[in-house]
Amino acid sequence: MSHNDLGPSRGGDSLPRMQETLLLCVATRPEGLLLEKRLGGTRGDVGGRPVALLRTGVGPVNAALAVARFAAVQPVRAVPV
């Protein structure tokens, strides 16, 4: 899958691409235990790409706030829904 399949890159294609993270969100710790074991913690890589596991809390407002706060400090390529 090319980066164009995921929509335009942040800042346009003419700028150098930053290492972007695939963000996997879970509401609670029990939901993310298998992913956390696979990653060896809350960060890791899958297929050579950085992945972060983010616990958001229950509810859409908590999820939106957690993702926005994460994305403010770390470039995020995609958030699977």
C-alpha atoms as a PDB file:
ATOM      1  CA  MET A   1       0.000   0.000   0.000  1.00  0.00           C
ATOM      2  CA  SER A   2       1.507   3.337  -0.986  1.00  0.00           C
ATOM      3  CA  HIS A   3       1.168   6.463   1.126  1.00  0.00           C
ATOM      4  CA  ASN A   4      -1.184   7.860  -1.525  1.00  0.00           C
ATOM      5  CA  ASP A   5      -3.684   5.116  -0.673  1.00  0.00           C
ATOM      6  CA  LEU A   6      -4.012   6.691   2.758  1.00  0.00           C
ATOM      7  CA  GLY A   7      -4.693  10.213   1.542  1.00  0.00           C
ATOM      8  CA  PRO A   8      -2.383  13.194   1.178  1.00  0.00           C
ATOM      9  CA  SER A   9       0.640  13.408   3.408  1.00  0.00           C
ATOM     10  CA  ARG A  10       0.835  16.083   6.056  1.00  0.00           C
ATOM     11  CA  GLY A  11       2.171  19.273   4.476  1.00  0.00           C
ATOM     12  CA  GLY A  12       2.056  18.043   0.876  1.00  0.00           C
ATOM     13  CA  ASP A  13       4.196  15.555  -1.009  1.00  0.00           C
ATOM     14  CA  SER A  14       6.940  18.097  -1.793  1.00  0.00           C
ATOM     15  CA  LEU A  15       8.125  18.198   1.841  1.00  0.00           C
ATOM     16  CA  PRO A  16      10.295  15.466   3.369  1.00  0.00           C
ATOM     17  CA  ARG A  17       8.144  12.820   5.022  1.00  0.00           C
ATOM     18  CA  MET A  18       8.473  12.403   8.780  1.00  0.00           C
ATOM     19  CA  GLN A  19       8.348   8.946  10.327  1.00  0.00           C
ATOM     20  CA  GLU A  20       4.642   8.509  10.916  1.00  0.00           C
ATOM     21  CA  THR A  21       3.078   6.149  13.415  1.00  0.00           C
ATOM     22  CA  LEU A  22       0.114   3.837  12.980  1.00  0.00           C
ATOM     23  CA  LEU A  23      -1.998   4.527  16.047  1.00  0.00           C
ATOM     24  CA  LEU A  24      -4.034   1.638  17.453  1.00  0.00           C
ATOM     25  CA  CYS A  25      -6.660   2.816  19.931  1.00  0.00           C
ATOM     26  CA  VAL A  26      -8.314   0.756  22.652  1.00  0.00           C
ATOM     27  CA  ALA A  27     -10.701   1.984  25.318  1.00  0.00           C
ATOM     28  CA  THR A  28      -9.405  -0.118  28.213  1.00  0.00           C
ATOM     29  CA  ARG A  29      -6.323  -2.099  29.170  1.00  0.00           C
ATOM     30  CA  PRO A  30      -8.007  -5.532  28.863  1.00  0.00           C
ATOM     31  CA  GLU A  31      -8.907  -4.711  25.250  1.00  0.00           C
ATOM     32  CA  GLY A  32      -5.297  -3.988  24.387  1.00  0.00           C
ATOM     33  CA  LEU A  33      -3.499  -6.782  26.243  1.00  0.00           C
ATOM     34  CA  LEU A  34      -2.862  -8.978  23.194  1.00  0.00           C
ATOM     35  CA  LEU A  35      -1.638  -6.020  21.160  1.00  0.00           C
ATOM     36  CA  GLU A  36       0.557  -4.867  24.027  1.00  0.00           C
ATOM     37  CA  LYS A  37       2.127  -8.336  24.265  1.00  0.00           C
ATOM     38  CA  ARG A  38       2.731  -8.401  20.498  1.00  0.00           C
ATOM     39  CA  LEU A  39       4.363  -4.964  20.550  1.00  0.00           C
ATOM     40  CA  GLY A  40       6.340  -5.653  23.717  1.00  0.00           C
ATOM     41  CA  GLY A  41       4.758  -2.598  25.355  1.00  0.00           C
ATOM     42  CA  THR A  42       2.722   0.333  24.099  1.00  0.00           C
ATOM     43  CA  ARG A  43       5.111   1.030  21.200  1.00  0.00           C
ATOM     44  CA  GLY A  44       6.750  -1.219  18.693  1.00  0.00           C
ATOM     45  CA  ASP A  45       6.883  -1.924  15.009  1.00  0.00           C
ATOM     46  CA  VAL A  46       4.966  -4.147  12.654  1.00  0.00           C
ATOM     47  CA  GLY A  47       6.498  -4.843   9.269  1.00  0.00           C
ATOM     48  CA  GLY A  48       9.162  -2.215   9.906  1.00  0.00           C
ATOM     49  CA  ARG A  49       6.619   0.527  10.569  1.00  0.00           C
ATOM     50  CA  PRO A  50       6.209   2.217  13.947  1.00  0.00           C
ATOM     51  CA  VAL A  51       3.031   1.395  15.834  1.00  0.00           C
ATOM     52  CA  ALA A  52       1.702   2.898  19.057  1.00  0.00           C
ATOM     53  CA  LEU A  53      -1.036   1.545  21.281  1.00  0.00           C
ATOM     54  CA  LEU A  54      -3.130   4.260  22.918  1.00  0.00           C
ATOM     55  CA  ARG A  55      -5.603   3.697  25.725  1.00  0.00           C
ATOM     56  CA  THR A  56      -8.307   6.317  25.240  1.00  0.00           C
ATOM     57  CA  GLY A  57     -10.880   5.594  27.923  1.00  0.00           C
ATOM     58  CA  VAL A  58     -14.515   4.838  27.169  1.00  0.00           C
ATOM     59  CA  GLY A  59     -16.567   7.146  24.968  1.00  0.00           C
ATOM     60  CA  PRO A  60     -16.105   9.161  21.793  1.00  0.00           C
ATOM     61  CA  VAL A  61     -15.079  12.386  23.548  1.00  0.00           C
ATOM     62  CA  ASN A  62     -12.320  10.635  25.504  1.00  0.00           C
ATOM     63  CA  ALA A  63     -11.150   8.902  22.318  1.00  0.00           C
ATOM     64  CA  ALA A  64     -11.101  12.129  20.294  1.00  0.00           C
ATOM     65  CA  LEU A  65      -9.180  13.977  23.009  1.00  0.00           C
ATOM     66  CA  ALA A  66      -6.623  11.184  23.441  1.00  0.00           C
ATOM     67  CA  VAL A  67      -5.980  10.931  19.688  1.00  0.00           C
ATOM     68  CA  ALA A  68      -5.714  14.707  19.274  1.00  0.00           C
ATOM     69  CA  ARG A  69      -3.239  14.987  22.170  1.00  0.00           C
ATOM     70  CA  PHE A  70      -1.131  12.139  20.783  1.00  0.00           C
ATOM     71  CA  ALA A  71      -1.160  13.540  17.232  1.00  0.00           C
ATOM     72  CA  ALA A  72      -0.118  16.970  18.514  1.00  0.00           C
ATOM     73  CA  VAL A  73       3.283  15.582  19.528  1.00  0.00           C
ATOM     74  CA  GLN A  74       3.751  12.565  17.236  1.00  0.00           C
ATOM     75  CA  PRO A  75       3.057  12.397  13.480  1.00  0.00           C
ATOM     76  CA  VAL A  76       0.297   9.842  12.876  1.00  0.00           C
ATOM     77  CA  ARG A  77      -0.182   8.207   9.480  1.00  0.00           C
ATOM     78  CA  ALA A  78      -3.458   6.430  10.183  1.00  0.00           C
ATOM     79  CA  VAL A  79      -5.900   5.561  12.931  1.00  0.00           C
ATOM     80  CA  PRO A  80      -7.805   2.368  12.018  1.00  0.00           C
ATOM     81  CA  VAL A  81     -11.444   2.613  12.988  1.00  0.00           C
END
